[in-house]
Structures are given as structure tokens and as C-alpha cells.
Amino acid sequence: MHEHYLPKLLSHDPSVHAEPTTQAEITTRNRLFNVDGFGMAWYTQTLSIFSPPTSASTPKASLWPALYKTIQPPLHDSNFRSICSNTASNVVFAHIRAATSTAITPVNNHPFIFGIHTIMHNGYISNFEKIKLQMCNEMSEEAYTNIHGGTDTEHLAALFMTYLCPSAKEWDTYHSVSEIRTALQKTIDTIISIQAATSSIKIYEPNDLNVAITDGQSLVASRFRDHATEQPPSLYYSTSAGVTLNRQFPDHPDGADGPNGASNTDAKDGEQGKNPHAVKGRMEHGRHVIVASEPTTYKGEWELIKKNRFVLVQGGEVVGVEKIDYPHN
């Protein structure tokens, strides 16, 4: 029941690692539900329409992130259901949290926002409590003071923003995917360097750094674990699943189990699931990219991102998949 859509993604490569992956570990990695908090950010023009720049010398982004966080299960949250039913956006980040060592409170929910930049993370920084002070010492004052909770992810985000935008005056400025990638690479490098230099860490434990970052125009996502054989949590991308997931279009994410699917007595021969709400044809859907921890449609339209890779997205399409610099690649 815990396998969901994942193809039994194992944490180790059995051909090079002697220890077998236990069923308990598969269950943990493939668990359907995290229950410690939910957060969603979506980009909208509203702020720039009602608060336009005061002068030509004050650059303002056209899209700004709106943010909603709760510790209530999202399916039981009437506010969330109402927001989703009445909101449309071309850029959305959503995260369901499994807490590690910090409080279960909305302020600790992902995603985290710095100006127009939205950051979320699946995984953990190992020995975070022992390197937290050193990480903070690397941050700009503006990035540090924007930290409102206690999670390793929000501290990673502040460190990233220090490298991307040394001054908070740049937080409303767009950057290229190359600049975002470089700042995230430097963030990963810094975390590993601090861990290696911290004498109180007796046994080094690898990090899981599946990070997603957007400014509303560009997106960079990483799938990373600094271990020679162990795998990070899963991460996929798709350039076609949006047609299946958007109820304006003909496909249905449940496939044969959906309306008019093969398992439905009302299905027509050969249909694999048709969306009864569709008002547009498949070819009317524009370019898009979805990055997710797990596939969310029944089809084979998802690509597993390889270990220690960046995915770079610009203009609604994947413009590159690049290695993350690390000695064990």
C-alpha cells in the first residue's frame, strides 16, 4: 500500500552496496502521507498591480508569491479547499511536511519566501544543530533576519539568498537559471565544508538535499545525497502531465479507474480514462514543467531525475539537466 506510483526506488545500488534495503526503509521512503504541516505558494500579479514601483529606478517583479500555511491536514482544511477552487496561477509550489526535530507550527512549514524567491526542500541537513551557528555566520544580515522558524530548510534558504543576492535590495530582481544554479551549488558546498570542519561531528552522515527554487520565471531543482552509493529521495519531472491533471483537458489522472476508464462499466471500448469536465482539446495546453517527489498520474509520462543532478527550467521547458559537483559522482 505504501508503494503508490514509485517503482520501488531503493536507497542503495544492490550491485555495489552489500547491505540490502529493508522493507521498512522502502515503506518509509514510499509513504503516501506526511502529516506535520502543509504550505503552498503561488505567483500572482495582484501586488504589483496595487503597489506599483514608485520610480523607474525601483525594479519590481510583475509576479509575487502569495503564501498559505497550515498544520491541519489539507484535505480537511476548508480554507485551503476554497483557495484551490478559486485560484489560478502558472507557478505553484506545494509541500507536505514530515517534521524532524523542530516544532510543528505553521512558521516551520515549507515553502519559504525571500522577496520574489520561493524555496522548499525534501530531506535534511545532517547534524544541523551542530553546524547551525556556522551557517548563520555565513549569511547576510538581511537573509538572517528573514528567518522566522527553526528548520534546517529555512536556514539553507537564507544561505542560498546570501549567495544569490548579497543585498536584500535585489530580492525583487530576476536571475537566470545559471545564476540560481550557481548559488545553490555554493550553498551545498558550504554546508558540506562546514560539516567536514566541525570537530564535534564524530561520524559524518550524508545530507539529503532535494531543493526546489523559483522566482516566478525560472526554476532550479536538485536531487542530491553526498554518498557514494546511497540514493536521495525520489524526484521526477514531467512536461506532459499537466494535460492529465488539469480538469480543463481530456485526460484523467486515475486512468482506467477514472470516469469512463476501463474499470468503469460505462466506459467505451479502448478508453483509458476520460475527464468528464474537459472543455479544451489536448493540443490547446501550453508548455509546462512539473517537478514532484512522486509521479501524480497513472501514465509513464514522468522522468526520474538521476542522483546528484540539477534540473533547470525556463520559459515552461526544461533547458538543462546538469551534474552537481561532488567527488563521488
C-alpha atoms as a PDB file:
ATOM      1  CA  MET A   1       0.000   0.000   0.000  1.00  0.00           C
ATOM      2  CA  HIS A   2       2.965   2.362   0.524  1.00  0.00           C
ATOM      3  CA  GLU A   3       4.442   1.876  -2.948  1.00  0.00           C
ATOM      4  CA  HIS A   4       1.990   4.265  -4.622  1.00  0.00           C
ATOM      5  CA  TYR A   5       3.411   5.180  -8.067  1.00  0.00           C
ATOM      6  CA  LEU A   6       7.073   4.707  -7.127  1.00  0.00           C
ATOM      7  CA  PRO A   7       8.893   1.890  -8.928  1.00  0.00           C
ATOM      8  CA  LYS A   8      10.357   0.511  -5.668  1.00  0.00           C
ATOM      9  CA  LEU A   9      13.040   3.146  -5.669  1.00  0.00           C
ATOM     10  CA  LEU A  10      15.754   1.751  -3.381  1.00  0.00           C
ATOM     11  CA  SER A  11      18.185   3.767  -1.297  1.00  0.00           C
ATOM     12  CA  HIS A  12      21.217   1.730  -2.359  1.00  0.00           C
ATOM     13  CA  ASP A  13      22.549   0.269  -5.561  1.00  0.00           C
ATOM     14  CA  PRO A  14      22.457  -3.502  -4.841  1.00  0.00           C
ATOM     15  CA  SER A  15      25.266  -4.128  -7.329  1.00  0.00           C
ATOM     16  CA  VAL A  16      27.775  -2.041  -5.368  1.00  0.00           C
ATOM     17  CA  HIS A  17      26.422  -1.987  -1.822  1.00  0.00           C
ATOM     18  CA  ALA A  18      26.469  -5.100   0.320  1.00  0.00           C
ATOM     19  CA  GLU A  19      23.627  -4.215   2.669  1.00  0.00           C
ATOM     20  CA  PRO A  20      20.151  -4.988   1.331  1.00  0.00           C
ATOM     21  CA  THR A  21      17.462  -2.346   1.565  1.00  0.00           C
ATOM     22  CA  THR A  22      14.937  -3.366   4.197  1.00  0.00           C
ATOM     23  CA  GLN A  23      11.197  -3.405   3.661  1.00  0.00           C
ATOM     24  CA  ALA A  24      10.891  -0.857   6.475  1.00  0.00           C
ATOM     25  CA  GLU A  25      13.134   1.547   4.573  1.00  0.00           C
ATOM     26  CA  ILE A  26      11.133   1.096   1.367  1.00  0.00           C
ATOM     27  CA  THR A  27       7.972   1.804   3.354  1.00  0.00           C
ATOM     28  CA  THR A  28       9.474   4.956   4.882  1.00  0.00           C
ATOM     29  CA  ARG A  29      10.664   6.307   1.526  1.00  0.00           C
ATOM     30  CA  ASN A  30       7.429   5.494  -0.250  1.00  0.00           C
ATOM     31  CA  ARG A  31       4.977   6.591   2.416  1.00  0.00           C
ATOM     32  CA  LEU A  32       1.922   8.294   0.990  1.00  0.00           C
ATOM     33  CA  PHE A  33       1.254  10.907   3.635  1.00  0.00           C
ATOM     34  CA  ASN A  34       3.295  13.394   5.640  1.00  0.00           C
ATOM     35  CA  VAL A  35       1.129  14.827   8.401  1.00  0.00           C
ATOM     36  CA  ASP A  36       3.068  17.615  10.127  1.00  0.00           C
ATOM     37  CA  GLY A  37       2.101  20.616   8.045  1.00  0.00           C
ATOM     38  CA  PHE A  38       1.257  21.945   4.626  1.00  0.00           C
ATOM     39  CA  GLY A  39       2.344  25.019   2.706  1.00  0.00           C
ATOM     40  CA  MET A  40       1.610  26.444  -0.736  1.00  0.00           C
ATOM     41  CA  ALA A  41       2.926  29.460  -2.644  1.00  0.00           C
ATOM     42  CA  TRP A  42       1.500  30.688  -5.920  1.00  0.00           C
ATOM     43  CA  TYR A  43       2.512  33.624  -8.092  1.00  0.00           C
ATOM     44  CA  THR A  44       0.089  36.415  -8.894  1.00  0.00           C
ATOM     45  CA  GLN A  45       0.158  39.953 -10.346  1.00  0.00           C
ATOM     46  CA  THR A  46      -2.033  41.394  -7.598  1.00  0.00           C
ATOM     47  CA  LEU A  47       0.737  43.001  -5.518  1.00  0.00           C
ATOM     48  CA  SER A  48       2.414  44.664  -8.486  1.00  0.00           C
ATOM     49  CA  ILE A  49      -0.957  45.984  -9.726  1.00  0.00           C
ATOM     50  CA  PHE A  50      -1.932  47.569  -6.409  1.00  0.00           C
ATOM     51  CA  SER A  51       1.596  48.555  -5.296  1.00  0.00           C
ATOM     52  CA  PRO A  52       3.386  49.677  -8.470  1.00  0.00           C
ATOM     53  CA  PRO A  53       7.004  50.925  -8.420  1.00  0.00           C
ATOM     54  CA  THR A  54       7.409  54.451  -7.066  1.00  0.00           C
ATOM     55  CA  SER A  55      10.036  55.316  -9.687  1.00  0.00           C
ATOM     56  CA  ALA A  56      11.727  53.915 -12.761  1.00  0.00           C
ATOM     57  CA  SER A  57      14.830  53.255 -10.666  1.00  0.00           C
ATOM     58  CA  THR A  58      12.918  50.853  -8.379  1.00  0.00           C
ATOM     59  CA  PRO A  59      12.693  47.500 -10.177  1.00  0.00           C
ATOM     60  CA  LYS A  60       9.653  45.489  -9.253  1.00  0.00           C
ATOM     61  CA  ALA A  61       8.799  41.999 -10.400  1.00  0.00           C
ATOM     62  CA  SER A  62       5.467  41.560 -12.137  1.00  0.00           C
ATOM     63  CA  LEU A  63       4.671  38.363 -10.240  1.00  0.00           C
ATOM     64  CA  TRP A  64       4.920  37.929  -6.471  1.00  0.00           C
ATOM     65  CA  PRO A  65       4.279  34.833  -4.366  1.00  0.00           C
ATOM     66  CA  ALA A  66       1.211  34.521  -2.174  1.00  0.00           C
ATOM     67  CA  LEU A  67       1.670  32.116   0.723  1.00  0.00           C
ATOM     68  CA  TYR A  68      -0.624  29.823   2.703  1.00  0.00           C
ATOM     69  CA  LYS A  69       0.472  27.554   5.556  1.00  0.00           C
ATOM     70  CA  THR A  70      -1.391  25.319   7.985  1.00  0.00           C
ATOM     71  CA  ILE A  71      -0.743  22.355  10.267  1.00  0.00           C
ATOM     72  CA  GLN A  72      -4.198  20.976   9.566  1.00  0.00           C
ATOM     73  CA  PRO A  73      -4.357  18.121   7.020  1.00  0.00           C
ATOM     74  CA  PRO A  74      -5.046  19.919   3.724  1.00  0.00           C
ATOM     75  CA  LEU A  75      -7.932  17.667   2.721  1.00  0.00           C
ATOM     76  CA  HIS A  76      -9.704  18.648   5.967  1.00  0.00           C
ATOM     77  CA  ASP A  77      -8.973  22.348   5.606  1.00  0.00           C
ATOM     78  CA  SER A  78     -11.952  24.246   4.201  1.00  0.00           C
ATOM     79  CA  ASN A  79      -9.847  27.396   3.696  1.00  0.00           C
ATOM     80  CA  PHE A  80      -7.379  25.505   1.532  1.00  0.00           C
ATOM     81  CA  ARG A  81     -10.142  23.839  -0.460  1.00  0.00           C
ATOM     82  CA  SER A  82     -11.768  27.202  -1.117  1.00  0.00           C
ATOM     83  CA  ILE A  83      -8.468  28.816  -2.158  1.00  0.00           C
ATOM     84  CA  CYS A  84      -7.769  25.985  -4.595  1.00  0.00           C
ATOM     85  CA  SER A  85     -11.262  26.132  -6.062  1.00  0.00           C
ATOM     86  CA  ASN A  86     -10.983  29.844  -6.777  1.00  0.00           C
ATOM     87  CA  THR A  87      -7.326  30.433  -7.623  1.00  0.00           C
ATOM     88  CA  ALA A  88      -5.388  30.067 -10.865  1.00  0.00           C
ATOM     89  CA  SER A  89      -1.648  30.509 -11.299  1.00  0.00           C
ATOM     90  CA  ASN A  90       1.030  29.473 -13.758  1.00  0.00           C
ATOM     91  CA  VAL A  91       3.608  28.962 -10.978  1.00  0.00           C
ATOM     92  CA  VAL A  92       2.755  26.963  -7.850  1.00  0.00           C
ATOM     93  CA  PHE A  93       4.888  25.394  -5.104  1.00  0.00           C
ATOM     94  CA  ALA A  94       3.314  22.988  -2.602  1.00  0.00           C
ATOM     95  CA  HIS A  95       4.880  20.989   0.225  1.00  0.00           C
ATOM     96  CA  ILE A  96       3.621  18.493   2.811  1.00  0.00           C
ATOM     97  CA  ARG A  97       5.942  18.328   5.807  1.00  0.00           C
ATOM     98  CA  ALA A  98       7.276  15.454   7.878  1.00  0.00           C
ATOM     99  CA  ALA A  99       8.872  17.182  10.866  1.00  0.00           C
ATOM    100  CA  THR A 100      12.276  16.101  12.126  1.00  0.00           C
ATOM    101  CA  SER A 101      13.427  17.940  15.243  1.00  0.00           C
ATOM    102  CA  THR A 102      11.657  21.312  15.073  1.00  0.00           C
ATOM    103  CA  ALA A 103       8.218  22.350  16.256  1.00  0.00           C
ATOM    104  CA  ILE A 104       5.050  21.511  14.363  1.00  0.00           C
ATOM    105  CA  THR A 105       3.863  25.037  13.712  1.00  0.00           C
ATOM    106  CA  PRO A 106       2.902  26.894  10.515  1.00  0.00           C
ATOM    107  CA  VAL A 107       6.032  29.076  10.613  1.00  0.00           C
ATOM    108  CA  ASN A 108       8.146  25.939  10.105  1.00  0.00           C
ATOM    109  CA  ASN A 109       6.173  24.758   7.084  1.00  0.00           C
ATOM    110  CA  HIS A 110       7.699  24.985   3.634  1.00  0.00           C
ATOM    111  CA  PRO A 111       7.900  26.827   1.290  1.00  0.00           C
ATOM    112  CA  PHE A 112       9.912  29.830   2.490  1.00  0.00           C
ATOM    113  CA  ILE A 113       9.831  33.201   0.760  1.00  0.00           C
ATOM    114  CA  PHE A 114      12.557  35.827   0.342  1.00  0.00           C
ATOM    115  CA  GLY A 115      11.214  38.643  -1.838  1.00  0.00           C
ATOM    116  CA  ILE A 116      10.091  37.028  -5.089  1.00  0.00           C
ATOM    117  CA  HIS A 117      12.049  33.834  -4.367  1.00  0.00           C
ATOM    118  CA  THR A 118      10.350  30.701  -3.072  1.00  0.00           C
ATOM    119  CA  ILE A 119      12.328  27.755  -1.668  1.00  0.00           C
ATOM    120  CA  MET A 120      11.302  24.320  -0.408  1.00  0.00           C
ATOM    121  CA  HIS A 121      13.192  21.124   0.434  1.00  0.00           C
ATOM    122  CA  ASN A 122      12.650  17.393   0.840  1.00  0.00           C
ATOM    123  CA  GLY A 123      15.305  15.784   3.038  1.00  0.00           C
ATOM    124  CA  TYR A 124      17.560  17.068   5.802  1.00  0.00           C
ATOM    125  CA  ILE A 125      20.897  18.654   6.630  1.00  0.00           C
ATOM    126  CA  SER A 126      22.720  16.142   8.797  1.00  0.00           C
ATOM    127  CA  ASN A 127      23.929  17.318  12.212  1.00  0.00           C
ATOM    128  CA  PHE A 128      22.139  20.606  11.589  1.00  0.00           C
ATOM    129  CA  GLU A 129      22.063  21.547  15.267  1.00  0.00           C
ATOM    130  CA  LYS A 130      25.891  21.343  15.355  1.00  0.00           C
ATOM    131  CA  ILE A 131      26.505  23.488  12.275  1.00  0.00           C
ATOM    132  CA  LYS A 132      23.601  25.944  12.577  1.00  0.00           C
ATOM    133  CA  LEU A 133      25.749  28.716  14.108  1.00  0.00           C
ATOM    134  CA  GLN A 134      28.428  28.401  11.415  1.00  0.00           C
ATOM    135  CA  MET A 135      25.756  28.529   8.706  1.00  0.00           C
ATOM    136  CA  CYS A 136      24.308  31.690  10.245  1.00  0.00           C
ATOM    137  CA  ASN A 137      27.758  33.267  10.340  1.00  0.00           C
ATOM    138  CA  GLU A 138      27.940  32.874   6.541  1.00  0.00           C
ATOM    139  CA  MET A 139      24.650  34.697   5.945  1.00  0.00           C
ATOM    140  CA  SER A 140      23.998  38.317   5.131  1.00  0.00           C
ATOM    141  CA  GLU A 141      22.256  40.265   7.887  1.00  0.00           C
ATOM    142  CA  GLU A 142      19.135  40.689   5.735  1.00  0.00           C
ATOM    143  CA  ALA A 143      18.880  36.971   4.958  1.00  0.00           C
ATOM    144  CA  TYR A 144      19.466  36.018   8.590  1.00  0.00           C
ATOM    145  CA  THR A 145      16.777  38.371   9.899  1.00  0.00           C
ATOM    146  CA  ASN A 146      14.282  36.927   7.393  1.00  0.00           C
ATOM    147  CA  ILE A 147      14.448  33.552   9.182  1.00  0.00           C
ATOM    148  CA  HIS A 148      11.271  33.172  11.259  1.00  0.00           C
ATOM    149  CA  GLY A 149      11.374  29.480  12.231  1.00  0.00           C
ATOM    150  CA  GLY A 150      13.869  26.841  13.262  1.00  0.00           C
ATOM    151  CA  THR A 151      14.110  24.438  10.334  1.00  0.00           C
ATOM    152  CA  ASP A 152      17.260  23.440   8.516  1.00  0.00           C
ATOM    153  CA  THR A 153      15.491  24.290   5.250  1.00  0.00           C
ATOM    154  CA  GLU A 154      14.807  27.930   6.119  1.00  0.00           C
ATOM    155  CA  HIS A 155      18.460  28.320   7.116  1.00  0.00           C
ATOM    156  CA  LEU A 156      19.527  26.705   3.822  1.00  0.00           C
ATOM    157  CA  ALA A 157      17.230  29.163   2.032  1.00  0.00           C
ATOM    158  CA  ALA A 158      18.796  32.139   3.823  1.00  0.00           C
ATOM    159  CA  LEU A 159      22.280  30.922   2.947  1.00  0.00           C
ATOM    160  CA  PHE A 160      21.224  30.480  -0.668  1.00  0.00           C
ATOM    161  CA  MET A 161      19.792  34.004  -0.790  1.00  0.00           C
ATOM    162  CA  THR A 162      23.060  35.368   0.616  1.00  0.00           C
ATOM    163  CA  TYR A 163      24.890  33.931  -2.381  1.00  0.00           C
ATOM    164  CA  LEU A 164      22.242  34.823  -4.965  1.00  0.00           C
ATOM    165  CA  CYS A 165      21.534  38.341  -3.675  1.00  0.00           C
ATOM    166  CA  PRO A 166      24.207  39.800  -1.375  1.00  0.00           C
ATOM    167  CA  SER A 167      21.830  42.730  -0.753  1.00  0.00           C
ATOM    168  CA  ALA A 168      18.131  42.441   0.077  1.00  0.00           C
ATOM    169  CA  LYS A 169      17.562  45.240  -2.464  1.00  0.00           C
ATOM    170  CA  GLU A 170      17.970  42.509  -5.115  1.00  0.00           C
ATOM    171  CA  TRP A 171      15.294  40.244  -3.685  1.00  0.00           C
ATOM    172  CA  ASP A 172      12.778  41.549  -6.223  1.00  0.00           C
ATOM    173  CA  THR A 173      15.180  41.009  -9.140  1.00  0.00           C
ATOM    174  CA  TYR A 174      15.005  38.102 -11.581  1.00  0.00           C
ATOM    175  CA  HIS A 175      18.058  35.905 -12.103  1.00  0.00           C
ATOM    176  CA  SER A 176      18.982  33.438 -14.806  1.00  0.00           C
ATOM    177  CA  VAL A 177      18.760  29.706 -14.160  1.00  0.00           C
ATOM    178  CA  SER A 178      22.556  29.658 -14.359  1.00  0.00           C
ATOM    179  CA  GLU A 179      22.840  32.201 -11.533  1.00  0.00           C
ATOM    180  CA  ILE A 180      20.333  30.302  -9.388  1.00  0.00           C
ATOM    181  CA  ARG A 181      22.117  27.021 -10.066  1.00  0.00           C
ATOM    182  CA  THR A 182      25.496  28.540  -9.127  1.00  0.00           C
ATOM    183  CA  ALA A 183      24.126  29.939  -5.854  1.00  0.00           C
ATOM    184  CA  LEU A 184      22.551  26.588  -4.945  1.00  0.00           C
ATOM    185  CA  GLN A 185      25.785  24.749  -5.783  1.00  0.00           C
ATOM    186  CA  LYS A 186      27.693  27.138  -3.498  1.00  0.00           C
ATOM    187  CA  THR A 187      25.116  26.569  -0.754  1.00  0.00           C
ATOM    188  CA  ILE A 188      25.578  22.799  -0.958  1.00  0.00           C
ATOM    189  CA  ASP A 189      29.368  23.203  -0.996  1.00  0.00           C
ATOM    190  CA  THR A 190      29.282  25.445   2.072  1.00  0.00           C
ATOM    191  CA  ILE A 191      27.120  23.056   4.090  1.00  0.00           C
ATOM    192  CA  ILE A 192      29.397  20.101   3.334  1.00  0.00           C
ATOM    193  CA  SER A 193      32.541  22.156   4.060  1.00  0.00           C
ATOM    194  CA  ILE A 194      31.189  23.292   7.435  1.00  0.00           C
ATOM    195  CA  GLN A 195      30.276  19.725   8.345  1.00  0.00           C
ATOM    196  CA  ALA A 196      33.742  18.470   7.398  1.00  0.00           C
ATOM    197  CA  ALA A 197      35.409  21.172   9.518  1.00  0.00           C
ATOM    198  CA  THR A 198      33.203  20.746  12.610  1.00  0.00           C
ATOM    199  CA  SER A 199      35.161  18.792  15.208  1.00  0.00           C
ATOM    200  CA  SER A 200      32.085  17.879  17.260  1.00  0.00           C
ATOM    201  CA  ILE A 201      30.745  15.741  14.379  1.00  0.00           C
ATOM    202  CA  LYS A 202      32.383  12.401  15.133  1.00  0.00           C
ATOM    203  CA  ILE A 203      30.637  10.361  12.443  1.00  0.00           C
ATOM    204  CA  TYR A 204      29.827  12.082   9.164  1.00  0.00           C
ATOM    205  CA  GLU A 205      26.312  11.444   7.903  1.00  0.00           C
ATOM    206  CA  PRO A 206      25.288  12.335   4.346  1.00  0.00           C
ATOM    207  CA  ASN A 207      22.729  15.011   3.530  1.00  0.00           C
ATOM    208  CA  ASP A 208      19.510  14.691   1.537  1.00  0.00           C
ATOM    209  CA  LEU A 209      19.147  17.959  -0.391  1.00  0.00           C
ATOM    210  CA  ASN A 210      16.243  17.755  -2.797  1.00  0.00           C
ATOM    211  CA  VAL A 211      15.686  21.502  -3.137  1.00  0.00           C
ATOM    212  CA  ALA A 212      13.342  23.470  -5.410  1.00  0.00           C
ATOM    213  CA  ILE A 213      13.703  27.211  -6.020  1.00  0.00           C
ATOM    214  CA  THR A 214      11.745  29.624  -8.199  1.00  0.00           C
ATOM    215  CA  ASP A 215      11.421  33.375  -8.723  1.00  0.00           C
ATOM    216  CA  GLY A 216       8.228  33.004 -10.733  1.00  0.00           C
ATOM    217  CA  GLN A 217      10.077  32.846 -14.057  1.00  0.00           C
ATOM    218  CA  SER A 218      12.891  30.332 -13.590  1.00  0.00           C
ATOM    219  CA  LEU A 219      13.043  27.116 -11.590  1.00  0.00           C
ATOM    220  CA  VAL A 220      16.007  25.093 -10.373  1.00  0.00           C
ATOM    221  CA  ALA A 221      15.564  21.778  -8.576  1.00  0.00           C
ATOM    222  CA  SER A 222      18.240  19.480  -7.157  1.00  0.00           C
ATOM    223  CA  ARG A 223      18.272  15.793  -6.262  1.00  0.00           C
ATOM    224  CA  PHE A 224      21.311  15.228  -4.069  1.00  0.00           C
ATOM    225  CA  ARG A 225      22.808  12.884  -1.482  1.00  0.00           C
ATOM    226  CA  ASP A 226      26.543  13.056  -0.758  1.00  0.00           C
ATOM    227  CA  HIS A 227      27.151   9.321  -0.507  1.00  0.00           C
ATOM    228  CA  ALA A 228      28.936   7.086  -2.979  1.00  0.00           C
ATOM    229  CA  THR A 229      26.130   4.520  -3.292  1.00  0.00           C
ATOM    230  CA  GLU A 230      23.041   5.616  -1.338  1.00  0.00           C
ATOM    231  CA  GLN A 231      20.222   7.279  -3.245  1.00  0.00           C
ATOM    232  CA  PRO A 232      18.429  10.530  -2.308  1.00  0.00           C
ATOM    233  CA  PRO A 233      14.642  10.633  -2.015  1.00  0.00           C
ATOM    234  CA  SER A 234      12.956  10.360  -5.382  1.00  0.00           C
ATOM    235  CA  LEU A 235      12.388  13.360  -7.651  1.00  0.00           C
ATOM    236  CA  TYR A 236      10.672  13.373 -11.045  1.00  0.00           C
ATOM    237  CA  TYR A 237       9.746  15.849 -13.737  1.00  0.00           C
ATOM    238  CA  SER A 238       7.158  15.819 -16.498  1.00  0.00           C
ATOM    239  CA  THR A 239       6.440  18.050 -19.483  1.00  0.00           C
ATOM    240  CA  SER A 240       3.089  16.427 -20.280  1.00  0.00           C
ATOM    241  CA  ALA A 241       1.350  15.505 -17.006  1.00  0.00           C
ATOM    242  CA  GLY A 242      -0.252  18.942 -16.788  1.00  0.00           C
ATOM    243  CA  VAL A 243      -2.713  17.939 -19.502  1.00  0.00           C
ATOM    244  CA  THR A 244      -3.723  14.917 -17.442  1.00  0.00           C
ATOM    245  CA  LEU A 245      -4.017  16.848 -14.176  1.00  0.00           C
ATOM    246  CA  ASN A 246      -5.807  19.961 -15.447  1.00  0.00           C
ATOM    247  CA  ARG A 247      -9.564  19.380 -15.488  1.00  0.00           C
ATOM    248  CA  GLN A 248      -9.992  21.655 -18.488  1.00  0.00           C
ATOM    249  CA  PHE A 249      -8.341  18.995 -20.622  1.00  0.00           C
ATOM    250  CA  PRO A 250      -9.439  15.492 -21.657  1.00  0.00           C
ATOM    251  CA  ASP A 251      -7.165  13.087 -19.719  1.00  0.00           C
ATOM    252  CA  HIS A 252      -7.853  11.842 -16.203  1.00  0.00           C
ATOM    253  CA  PRO A 253      -5.073  11.095 -13.671  1.00  0.00           C
ATOM    254  CA  ASP A 254      -6.769   7.911 -12.480  1.00  0.00           C
ATOM    255  CA  GLY A 255      -6.633   6.326 -15.917  1.00  0.00           C
ATOM    256  CA  ALA A 256      -8.583   3.092 -16.109  1.00  0.00           C
ATOM    257  CA  ASP A 257     -10.026   3.719 -12.638  1.00  0.00           C
ATOM    258  CA  GLY A 258     -11.266   7.186 -13.538  1.00  0.00           C
ATOM    259  CA  PRO A 259     -14.511   8.283 -15.201  1.00  0.00           C
ATOM    260  CA  ASN A 260     -15.090   6.310 -18.392  1.00  0.00           C
ATOM    261  CA  GLY A 261     -11.996   4.252 -17.634  1.00  0.00           C
ATOM    262  CA  ALA A 262     -11.656   0.572 -18.482  1.00  0.00           C
ATOM    263  CA  SER A 263     -12.731  -0.468 -14.964  1.00  0.00           C
ATOM    264  CA  ASN A 264     -15.902   1.617 -15.224  1.00  0.00           C
ATOM    265  CA  THR A 265     -18.975  -0.187 -16.508  1.00  0.00           C
ATOM    266  CA  ASP A 266     -19.881   2.907 -18.543  1.00  0.00           C
ATOM    267  CA  ALA A 267     -16.530   3.008 -20.301  1.00  0.00           C
ATOM    268  CA  LYS A 268     -16.305   2.878 -24.040  1.00  0.00           C
ATOM    269  CA  ASP A 269     -14.003   0.335 -25.643  1.00  0.00           C
ATOM    270  CA  GLY A 270     -10.354   1.388 -25.584  1.00  0.00           C
ATOM    271  CA  GLU A 271     -10.754   4.422 -23.346  1.00  0.00           C
ATOM    272  CA  GLN A 272      -8.185   4.651 -20.557  1.00  0.00           C
ATOM    273  CA  GLY A 273      -9.816   7.365 -18.518  1.00  0.00           C
ATOM    274  CA  LYS A 274     -11.586  10.465 -19.776  1.00  0.00           C
ATOM    275  CA  ASN A 275     -12.154  13.684 -17.882  1.00  0.00           C
ATOM    276  CA  PRO A 276     -15.879  14.489 -17.994  1.00  0.00           C
ATOM    277  CA  HIS A 277     -15.180  18.174 -17.207  1.00  0.00           C
ATOM    278  CA  ALA A 278     -12.941  18.772 -20.232  1.00  0.00           C
ATOM    279  CA  VAL A 279     -13.698  21.871 -22.282  1.00  0.00           C
ATOM    280  CA  LYS A 280     -10.417  22.133 -24.183  1.00  0.00           C
ATOM    281  CA  GLY A 281      -8.510  19.864 -26.502  1.00  0.00           C
ATOM    282  CA  ARG A 282      -5.173  18.361 -25.585  1.00  0.00           C
ATOM    283  CA  MET A 283      -3.268  20.472 -28.141  1.00  0.00           C
ATOM    284  CA  GLU A 284      -4.543  23.686 -26.551  1.00  0.00           C
ATOM    285  CA  HIS A 285      -2.380  23.112 -23.470  1.00  0.00           C
ATOM    286  CA  GLY A 286       0.800  25.193 -23.412  1.00  0.00           C
ATOM    287  CA  ARG A 287       4.356  24.259 -22.492  1.00  0.00           C
ATOM    288  CA  HIS A 288       4.844  23.393 -18.847  1.00  0.00           C
ATOM    289  CA  VAL A 289       7.077  21.531 -16.419  1.00  0.00           C
ATOM    290  CA  ILE A 290       6.027  19.783 -13.215  1.00  0.00           C
ATOM    291  CA  VAL A 291       8.658  18.700 -10.679  1.00  0.00           C
ATOM    292  CA  ALA A 292       7.418  16.355  -7.948  1.00  0.00           C
ATOM    293  CA  SER A 293       8.696  13.888  -5.370  1.00  0.00           C
ATOM    294  CA  GLU A 294       6.407  11.239  -6.846  1.00  0.00           C
ATOM    295  CA  PRO A 295       4.519  10.856 -10.125  1.00  0.00           C
ATOM    296  CA  THR A 296       0.923  12.025  -9.778  1.00  0.00           C
ATOM    297  CA  THR A 297      -0.615  10.448 -12.867  1.00  0.00           C
ATOM    298  CA  TYR A 298      -1.055   6.868 -13.951  1.00  0.00           C
ATOM    299  CA  LYS A 299       0.837   7.321 -17.213  1.00  0.00           C
ATOM    300  CA  GLY A 300       4.504   6.746 -17.934  1.00  0.00           C
ATOM    301  CA  GLU A 301       4.953  10.453 -18.560  1.00  0.00           C
ATOM    302  CA  TRP A 302       7.432  11.113 -15.751  1.00  0.00           C
ATOM    303  CA  GLU A 303      11.225  11.032 -15.833  1.00  0.00           C
ATOM    304  CA  LEU A 304      13.173  10.089 -12.711  1.00  0.00           C
ATOM    305  CA  ILE A 305      15.864  12.710 -12.118  1.00  0.00           C
ATOM    306  CA  LYS A 306      19.197  10.963 -11.642  1.00  0.00           C
ATOM    307  CA  LYS A 307      21.133  11.230  -8.404  1.00  0.00           C
ATOM    308  CA  ASN A 308      23.139  14.435  -7.878  1.00  0.00           C
ATOM    309  CA  ARG A 309      21.590  16.434 -10.687  1.00  0.00           C
ATOM    310  CA  PHE A 310      20.165  19.910 -11.167  1.00  0.00           C
ATOM    311  CA  VAL A 311      17.097  20.387 -13.360  1.00  0.00           C
ATOM    312  CA  LEU A 312      16.928  23.843 -14.939  1.00  0.00           C
ATOM    313  CA  VAL A 313      13.569  25.207 -16.123  1.00  0.00           C
ATOM    314  CA  GLN A 314      12.994  28.416 -18.080  1.00  0.00           C
ATOM    315  CA  GLY A 315      10.036  29.565 -20.140  1.00  0.00           C
ATOM    316  CA  GLY A 316       7.934  26.500 -19.433  1.00  0.00           C
ATOM    317  CA  GLU A 317      10.518  23.966 -20.592  1.00  0.00           C
ATOM    318  CA  VAL A 318      13.496  22.052 -19.263  1.00  0.00           C
ATOM    319  CA  VAL A 319      16.618  23.792 -20.555  1.00  0.00           C
ATOM    320  CA  GLY A 320      19.167  21.535 -18.895  1.00  0.00           C
ATOM    321  CA  VAL A 321      19.897  18.644 -16.555  1.00  0.00           C
ATOM    322  CA  GLU A 322      23.362  19.121 -15.058  1.00  0.00           C
ATOM    323  CA  LYS A 323      25.571  17.267 -12.590  1.00  0.00           C
ATOM    324  CA  ILE A 324      26.011  18.624  -9.103  1.00  0.00           C
ATOM    325  CA  ASP A 325      29.737  18.916  -8.423  1.00  0.00           C
ATOM    326  CA  TYR A 326      30.656  16.298  -5.847  1.00  0.00           C
ATOM    327  CA  PRO A 327      33.718  13.986  -5.646  1.00  0.00           C
ATOM    328  CA  HIS A 328      31.716  10.744  -5.631  1.00  0.00           C
ATOM    329  CA  ASN A 329      29.695  11.471  -8.827  1.00  0.00           C
END
